[in-house]
Amino acid sequence: MIFSFSCTHDPVAFNEAEWRKKVGEQRTDNLYAVHWKEGKFFNPWMPMEHAGFFRLLKWKLFSARARYTDEEKSYRPNFIPGLKERIRSHPAGDFIAWIGHGTFLMRLDGAYWLTDPVFSDRALIPRRVTPPALVGKDLNDLAGDLNVIISHNHHDHLDKQSIRSLPERTRFLVPLGLKKYVQSIHSGDVKEMDWWDSIDAGKDTKLTCVPAQHWSRRLGQDMNSTLWASFILVTPASSIYIGGDSGYFVGYGEFGRRFPNIDYALLPTTAYHPRWFMHYAHLNIQEALDAFQSLGARFFIPTQWGTFHLGDEPPGYPALDLRRAIRKMRLDPSRFLIMDIGQIHAIQ
């Protein structure tokens, strides 16, 4: 069964059926194919769409804007203060905590794992609409190893000042091409990973780098000169898929097959309007639900909503969109953890 939920806010016509047909024609074996040529990384299962400065200008300057209700415009996640103190008051036990956007702090068997740390007020240009639950200096006060996973080089996932603020003991796990950049701003150990590479993180914990359908570029780095990725973190007690940024693609089914019994799927839900521009690189809610099902995960945690205004949709809109889909499709709401900033979810 494929989850189905239609977005009604796209101001420009976009044929969802044709897009899903194209996605369905992707070959799984291409997930393992060569994905670097002449200094550029690429997605071998499907050529990248919607690249180019003029398409960006078309969206920003000439595309009609969707209309949103007052509730959709104003909705934000709640903010729960005192995250550092709450963590320190409970020195044992595994958990997942939302810092904001794609930044999550997880404690697993005594070690900390931080995803795409961004604590700054801006992601290059967009300004935060909600504060982070922690900042880098707070992590100095938490005992235990600190591992940082970076999914790609976009400014809302890799922030220079945030990296600099992390403790000296930090170990970084990054996609190919990002090692030298991270080393230029932090003295911690940096390990580069290609798709399907795995590392032994100790205590029977393994991190595997897997494909994502995205792209890379930032100031000072050419387009697609560094790799993008998602990750699967497996410990003796739990298994977590860390989605980074991605459009909908054949990878989700393959990850579910290769890594059965995923407990938590951290899936991106942001910047999916307008569909004609965003569909290749970003999941809408329907696709995120389908990815969740393909992964075979127990719980869905939406990421990247409620912090920056990146697409046409307001920052808090994806959470409302997801809640509506859950009700409309009569899904089990207990499987969807729509977290507040600063919330701690205990892993049982």
Protein backbone atom coordinates (compact mmCIF):
# COMPACT_ATOMS: atom_id res chain seq x y z
CA MET A 1 0.00 0.00 0.00
CA ILE A 2 1.22 3.52 -0.81
CA PHE A 3 0.16 6.38 1.45
CA SER A 4 -1.72 9.02 -0.54
CA PHE A 5 -2.32 12.62 0.53
CA SER A 6 -2.62 15.45 -1.96
CA CYS A 7 -1.19 18.88 -1.31
CA THR A 8 -3.66 21.55 -2.43
CA HIS A 9 -1.44 24.63 -2.12
CA ASP A 10 0.75 24.42 -5.21
CA PRO A 11 0.23 27.59 -7.27
CA VAL A 12 1.89 26.11 -10.38
CA ALA A 13 0.54 22.98 -12.05
CA PHE A 14 2.58 19.87 -11.28
CA ASN A 15 1.70 16.34 -12.31
CA GLU A 16 2.20 14.15 -9.24
CA ALA A 17 1.21 10.98 -11.10
CA GLU A 18 3.90 11.49 -13.75
CA TRP A 19 6.49 12.25 -11.10
CA ARG A 20 5.66 9.13 -9.09
CA LYS A 21 5.74 7.04 -12.26
CA LYS A 22 9.22 8.35 -12.97
CA VAL A 23 10.32 7.58 -9.41
CA GLY A 24 8.90 4.06 -9.71
CA GLU A 25 11.01 3.42 -12.81
CA GLN A 26 14.27 3.90 -10.89
CA ARG A 27 16.57 0.88 -10.68
CA THR A 28 17.69 -0.21 -7.24
CA ASP A 29 21.09 -1.36 -8.49
CA ASN A 30 21.92 2.23 -9.41
CA LEU A 31 22.08 3.00 -5.68
CA TYR A 32 25.41 1.14 -5.80
CA ALA A 33 26.67 2.66 -9.05
CA VAL A 34 29.54 5.10 -9.59
CA HIS A 35 28.39 8.56 -8.49
CA TRP A 36 31.42 10.76 -9.19
CA LYS A 37 32.73 11.94 -12.55
CA GLU A 38 35.02 14.77 -13.63
CA GLY A 39 35.09 16.32 -10.18
CA LYS A 40 31.33 16.23 -9.60
CA PHE A 41 29.07 13.95 -7.58
CA PHE A 42 25.69 12.95 -8.99
CA ASN A 43 22.68 10.71 -8.33
CA PRO A 44 23.13 7.77 -10.75
CA TRP A 45 19.54 6.56 -10.55
CA MET A 46 18.02 9.83 -11.82
CA PRO A 47 19.57 13.02 -13.27
CA MET A 48 19.17 16.08 -11.11
CA GLU A 49 16.34 18.43 -12.02
CA HIS A 50 15.68 22.10 -11.39
CA ALA A 51 19.30 23.17 -11.22
CA GLY A 52 20.31 26.58 -12.45
CA PHE A 53 20.17 30.19 -11.40
CA PHE A 54 17.40 31.13 -13.84
CA ARG A 55 15.02 28.53 -12.42
CA LEU A 56 15.72 29.96 -8.97
CA LEU A 57 14.90 33.45 -10.25
CA LYS A 58 11.70 32.13 -11.83
CA TRP A 59 10.60 30.82 -8.45
CA LYS A 60 11.66 33.85 -6.41
CA LEU A 61 10.64 36.63 -8.78
CA PHE A 62 8.02 35.39 -11.21
CA SER A 63 6.16 32.45 -9.65
CA ALA A 64 2.76 33.01 -8.08
CA ARG A 65 2.62 32.35 -4.34
CA ALA A 66 0.27 29.94 -2.63
CA ARG A 67 -2.15 31.27 -0.04
CA TYR A 68 -2.00 30.05 3.54
CA THR A 69 -4.38 30.52 6.44
CA ASP A 70 -3.51 32.63 9.47
CA GLU A 71 -3.06 29.43 11.47
CA GLU A 72 -0.67 28.03 8.87
CA LYS A 73 1.33 31.25 8.82
CA SER A 74 1.65 31.56 12.59
CA TYR A 75 2.01 27.97 13.74
CA ARG A 76 5.29 27.16 15.51
CA PRO A 77 6.60 24.28 17.61
CA ASN A 78 6.55 24.88 21.35
CA PHE A 79 9.87 25.66 23.04
CA ILE A 80 10.76 23.76 26.22
CA PRO A 81 13.57 25.55 28.09
CA GLY A 82 16.36 24.09 30.21
CA LEU A 83 17.36 21.17 28.00
CA LYS A 84 20.96 21.01 29.27
CA GLU A 85 19.84 20.95 32.89
CA ARG A 86 17.21 18.31 32.20
CA ILE A 87 19.80 16.09 30.48
CA ARG A 88 22.28 16.51 33.35
CA SER A 89 19.61 15.63 35.90
CA HIS A 90 19.14 12.26 34.13
CA PRO A 91 22.68 10.98 33.51
CA ALA A 92 21.52 7.53 32.36
CA GLY A 93 19.21 6.32 29.61
CA ASP A 94 18.99 6.68 25.83
CA PHE A 95 17.05 9.57 24.31
CA ILE A 96 16.44 11.75 21.25
CA ALA A 97 16.11 15.52 21.79
CA TRP A 98 15.22 18.14 19.19
CA ILE A 99 17.48 21.19 19.15
CA GLY A 100 15.79 22.73 16.09
CA HIS A 101 15.66 22.29 12.29
CA GLY A 102 17.79 19.23 11.40
CA THR A 103 19.75 19.36 14.66
CA PHE A 104 19.00 16.49 17.05
CA LEU A 105 20.99 15.35 20.06
CA MET A 106 20.84 11.64 20.82
CA ARG A 107 22.35 9.80 23.77
CA LEU A 108 22.92 6.15 22.97
CA ASP A 109 24.69 3.84 25.40
CA GLY A 110 26.38 6.81 27.07
CA ALA A 111 27.69 8.42 23.86
CA TYR A 112 26.21 11.56 22.29
CA TRP A 113 25.33 11.89 18.61
CA LEU A 114 24.56 15.31 17.15
CA THR A 115 23.09 15.76 13.66
CA ASP A 116 23.72 18.75 11.36
CA PRO A 117 24.49 21.26 14.15
CA VAL A 118 23.13 24.72 13.37
CA PHE A 119 22.79 27.07 16.35
CA SER A 120 23.28 30.38 14.53
CA ASP A 121 20.63 33.03 14.05
CA ARG A 122 20.77 32.67 10.27
CA ALA A 123 21.28 29.90 7.73
CA LEU A 124 23.30 32.22 5.46
CA ILE A 125 20.24 34.44 4.70
CA PRO A 126 17.05 32.99 6.30
CA ARG A 127 16.66 34.03 9.95
CA ARG A 128 15.57 31.63 12.68
CA VAL A 129 11.96 31.95 13.80
CA THR A 130 12.52 29.74 16.86
CA PRO A 131 15.62 29.54 19.10
CA PRO A 132 17.81 26.44 19.43
CA ALA A 133 17.31 24.35 22.56
CA LEU A 134 21.10 24.09 23.04
CA VAL A 135 24.19 25.83 21.70
CA GLY A 136 27.68 24.46 21.19
CA LYS A 137 29.14 25.58 24.53
CA ASP A 138 26.37 23.72 26.39
CA LEU A 139 27.79 20.44 25.12
CA ASN A 140 31.02 21.03 27.07
CA ASP A 141 29.02 20.33 30.23
CA LEU A 142 27.72 16.94 29.08
CA ALA A 143 30.01 14.03 29.88
CA GLY A 144 30.56 11.42 27.20
CA ASP A 145 31.85 11.04 23.66
CA LEU A 146 30.42 13.48 21.13
CA ASN A 147 29.94 12.34 17.53
CA VAL A 148 28.68 14.81 14.94
CA ILE A 149 27.01 13.62 11.73
CA ILE A 150 26.85 16.10 8.84
CA SER A 151 24.61 15.20 5.90
CA HIS A 152 25.76 17.79 3.33
CA ASN A 153 27.17 21.27 2.90
CA HIS A 154 24.08 23.48 2.62
CA HIS A 155 24.16 26.35 5.10
CA ASP A 156 21.14 25.13 7.09
CA HIS A 157 23.01 21.84 7.73
CA LEU A 158 26.65 22.88 7.93
CA ASP A 159 27.22 26.14 9.81
CA LYS A 160 30.76 27.40 10.33
CA GLN A 161 30.23 29.18 13.64
CA SER A 162 28.26 26.28 15.08
CA ILE A 163 31.04 23.83 14.21
CA ARG A 164 33.63 26.10 15.81
CA SER A 165 31.61 26.22 19.04
CA LEU A 166 31.67 22.46 19.59
CA PRO A 167 33.93 20.86 22.24
CA GLU A 168 37.48 19.83 21.32
CA ARG A 169 36.63 16.16 21.91
CA THR A 170 34.14 16.15 19.01
CA ARG A 171 34.46 13.52 16.28
CA PHE A 172 32.93 14.36 12.88
CA LEU A 173 31.44 11.92 10.35
CA VAL A 174 30.97 13.66 7.00
CA PRO A 175 30.32 12.76 3.33
CA LEU A 176 33.16 12.72 0.82
CA GLY A 177 34.74 16.09 0.10
CA LEU A 178 33.96 17.79 3.43
CA LYS A 179 36.90 16.63 5.56
CA LYS A 180 39.28 19.49 4.70
CA TYR A 181 36.58 22.11 5.22
CA VAL A 182 35.64 20.82 8.68
CA GLN A 183 39.32 20.45 9.61
CA SER A 184 39.85 24.11 8.66
CA ILE A 185 37.40 25.24 11.36
CA HIS A 186 37.72 22.57 14.09
CA SER A 187 40.57 20.51 15.55
CA GLY A 188 38.47 17.38 16.15
CA ASP A 189 38.91 14.09 14.32
CA VAL A 190 37.11 13.97 10.96
CA LYS A 191 36.12 10.80 9.12
CA GLU A 192 34.94 11.03 5.50
CA MET A 193 32.41 8.46 4.31
CA ASP A 194 31.17 7.39 0.90
CA TRP A 195 27.75 5.83 0.31
CA TRP A 196 27.61 2.34 1.85
CA ASP A 197 30.71 2.90 3.98
CA SER A 198 30.33 1.77 7.59
CA ILE A 199 32.33 2.58 10.72
CA ASP A 200 32.54 0.78 14.03
CA ALA A 201 31.74 3.40 16.66
CA GLY A 202 32.46 1.12 19.62
CA LYS A 203 30.16 -0.75 22.02
CA ASP A 204 28.70 -2.72 19.09
CA THR A 205 27.44 0.49 17.46
CA LYS A 206 27.76 0.91 13.69
CA LEU A 207 27.13 3.96 11.49
CA THR A 208 26.46 3.43 7.79
CA CYS A 209 26.45 6.22 5.21
CA VAL A 210 23.74 5.68 2.57
CA PRO A 211 22.52 7.61 -0.49
CA ALA A 212 20.13 10.53 -0.55
CA GLN A 213 18.53 12.29 -3.52
CA HIS A 214 19.89 15.77 -3.14
CA TRP A 215 22.77 18.05 -4.23
CA SER A 216 25.46 20.29 -2.72
CA ARG A 217 26.71 23.84 -2.98
CA ARG A 218 27.80 26.63 -0.66
CA LEU A 219 29.86 29.79 -0.79
CA GLY A 220 33.42 28.78 -1.59
CA GLN A 221 32.48 25.27 -2.79
CA ASP A 222 31.41 24.48 -6.34
CA MET A 223 28.14 22.78 -7.16
CA ASN A 224 28.19 19.05 -6.33
CA SER A 225 31.89 19.08 -5.49
CA THR A 226 31.08 17.41 -2.15
CA LEU A 227 28.77 14.45 -1.50
CA TRP A 228 25.36 14.42 0.26
CA ALA A 229 24.09 11.49 2.29
CA SER A 230 21.76 10.01 4.85
CA PHE A 231 22.85 7.68 7.64
CA ILE A 232 21.73 4.62 9.57
CA LEU A 233 22.91 4.33 13.15
CA VAL A 234 22.55 0.87 14.69
CA THR A 235 23.21 0.16 18.37
CA PRO A 236 22.49 -3.00 20.37
CA ALA A 237 19.30 -1.35 21.67
CA SER A 238 17.96 0.68 18.72
CA SER A 239 18.27 1.56 15.05
CA ILE A 240 17.85 5.13 13.75
CA TYR A 241 17.60 6.42 10.17
CA ILE A 242 18.92 9.99 9.85
CA GLY A 243 17.46 11.33 6.62
CA GLY A 244 19.43 14.54 6.08
CA ASP A 245 17.83 16.19 3.02
CA SER A 246 16.33 14.20 0.16
CA GLY A 247 13.63 13.89 -2.41
CA TYR A 248 11.60 10.71 -2.81
CA PHE A 249 13.54 7.87 -4.43
CA VAL A 250 14.05 4.12 -4.58
CA GLY A 251 16.56 4.24 -1.73
CA TYR A 252 13.98 4.09 1.06
CA GLY A 253 12.80 0.62 0.12
CA GLU A 254 16.39 -0.61 -0.20
CA PHE A 255 17.31 0.80 3.21
CA GLY A 256 14.32 -0.96 4.74
CA ARG A 257 15.44 -4.22 3.14
CA ARG A 258 19.10 -3.86 4.10
CA PHE A 259 18.40 -2.60 7.62
CA PRO A 260 15.27 -4.32 8.93
CA ASN A 261 13.62 -3.25 12.19
CA ILE A 262 14.49 0.47 12.06
CA ASP A 263 13.07 2.04 15.21
CA TYR A 264 13.13 5.76 14.38
CA ALA A 265 13.01 7.48 10.98
CA LEU A 266 14.12 11.12 11.11
CA LEU A 267 12.70 12.35 7.81
CA PRO A 268 12.93 15.88 6.37
CA THR A 269 9.68 17.82 5.99
CA THR A 270 10.43 21.29 4.72
CA ALA A 271 10.74 23.42 1.57
CA TYR A 272 8.38 21.32 -0.58
CA HIS A 273 6.35 24.21 -2.02
CA PRO A 274 6.27 24.98 -4.90
CA ARG A 275 6.27 21.39 -6.09
CA TRP A 276 7.41 22.20 -9.64
CA PHE A 277 10.66 23.57 -8.19
CA MET A 278 11.18 21.48 -5.05
CA HIS A 279 10.03 17.95 -5.89
CA TYR A 280 13.40 16.48 -6.91
CA ALA A 281 15.33 17.38 -3.75
CA HIS A 282 12.67 17.59 -1.01
CA LEU A 283 9.93 15.30 0.29
CA ASN A 284 6.40 16.55 0.63
CA ILE A 285 4.24 15.02 3.36
CA GLN A 286 2.79 12.30 1.11
CA GLU A 287 6.29 11.24 0.07
CA ALA A 288 7.60 11.39 3.63
CA LEU A 289 4.81 9.02 4.68
CA ASP A 290 5.62 6.70 1.81
CA ALA A 291 9.32 6.81 2.74
CA PHE A 292 8.41 5.97 6.34
CA GLN A 293 6.43 2.96 5.18
CA SER A 294 9.20 1.82 2.80
CA LEU A 295 11.76 2.04 5.59
CA GLY A 296 9.56 -0.15 7.76
CA ALA A 297 10.31 2.03 10.79
CA ARG A 298 8.32 1.96 14.03
CA PHE A 299 8.28 5.73 14.59
CA PHE A 300 8.38 8.81 12.33
CA ILE A 301 10.08 12.01 13.58
CA PRO A 302 9.64 14.96 11.19
CA THR A 303 12.72 17.16 10.90
CA GLN A 304 13.58 20.64 9.60
CA TRP A 305 10.18 22.24 10.14
CA GLY A 306 9.53 25.20 12.43
CA THR A 307 12.95 26.89 12.39
CA PHE A 308 13.73 28.54 9.04
CA HIS A 309 11.48 29.81 6.23
CA LEU A 310 13.04 28.01 3.25
CA GLY A 311 10.22 27.22 0.83
CA ASP A 312 6.98 28.97 0.00
CA GLU A 313 5.21 27.22 2.87
CA PRO A 314 5.43 28.88 6.31
CA PRO A 315 7.94 27.30 8.74
CA GLY A 316 5.34 25.55 10.89
CA TYR A 317 3.13 24.39 8.03
CA PRO A 318 4.66 20.89 7.57
CA ALA A 319 3.60 19.80 11.07
CA LEU A 320 0.01 20.89 10.42
CA ASP A 321 0.15 19.19 7.01
CA LEU A 322 1.37 15.97 8.62
CA ARG A 323 -1.27 16.04 11.36
CA ARG A 324 -3.99 16.51 8.75
CA ALA A 325 -2.66 13.56 6.76
CA ILE A 326 -2.62 11.35 9.86
CA ARG A 327 -6.27 12.19 10.57
CA LYS A 328 -7.39 11.94 6.94
CA MET A 329 -5.76 8.57 6.43
CA ARG A 330 -6.62 7.24 9.91
CA LEU A 331 -3.05 6.40 10.70
CA ASP A 332 -1.94 5.43 14.20
CA PRO A 333 -0.95 8.79 15.76
CA SER A 334 1.26 7.08 18.36
CA ARG A 335 3.77 6.26 15.59
CA PHE A 336 4.32 9.94 14.73
CA LEU A 337 6.50 11.91 17.15
CA ILE A 338 5.99 15.57 16.22
CA MET A 339 8.40 16.99 18.76
CA ASP A 340 8.67 20.36 20.43
CA ILE A 341 12.01 22.16 20.47
CA GLY A 342 13.84 21.06 23.60
CA GLN A 343 11.69 17.96 24.00
CA ILE A 344 13.38 14.76 25.16
CA HIS A 345 11.98 11.48 23.87
CA ALA A 346 13.18 8.56 25.97
CA ILE A 347 14.14 5.48 23.95
CA GLN A 348 12.71 2.46 25.73
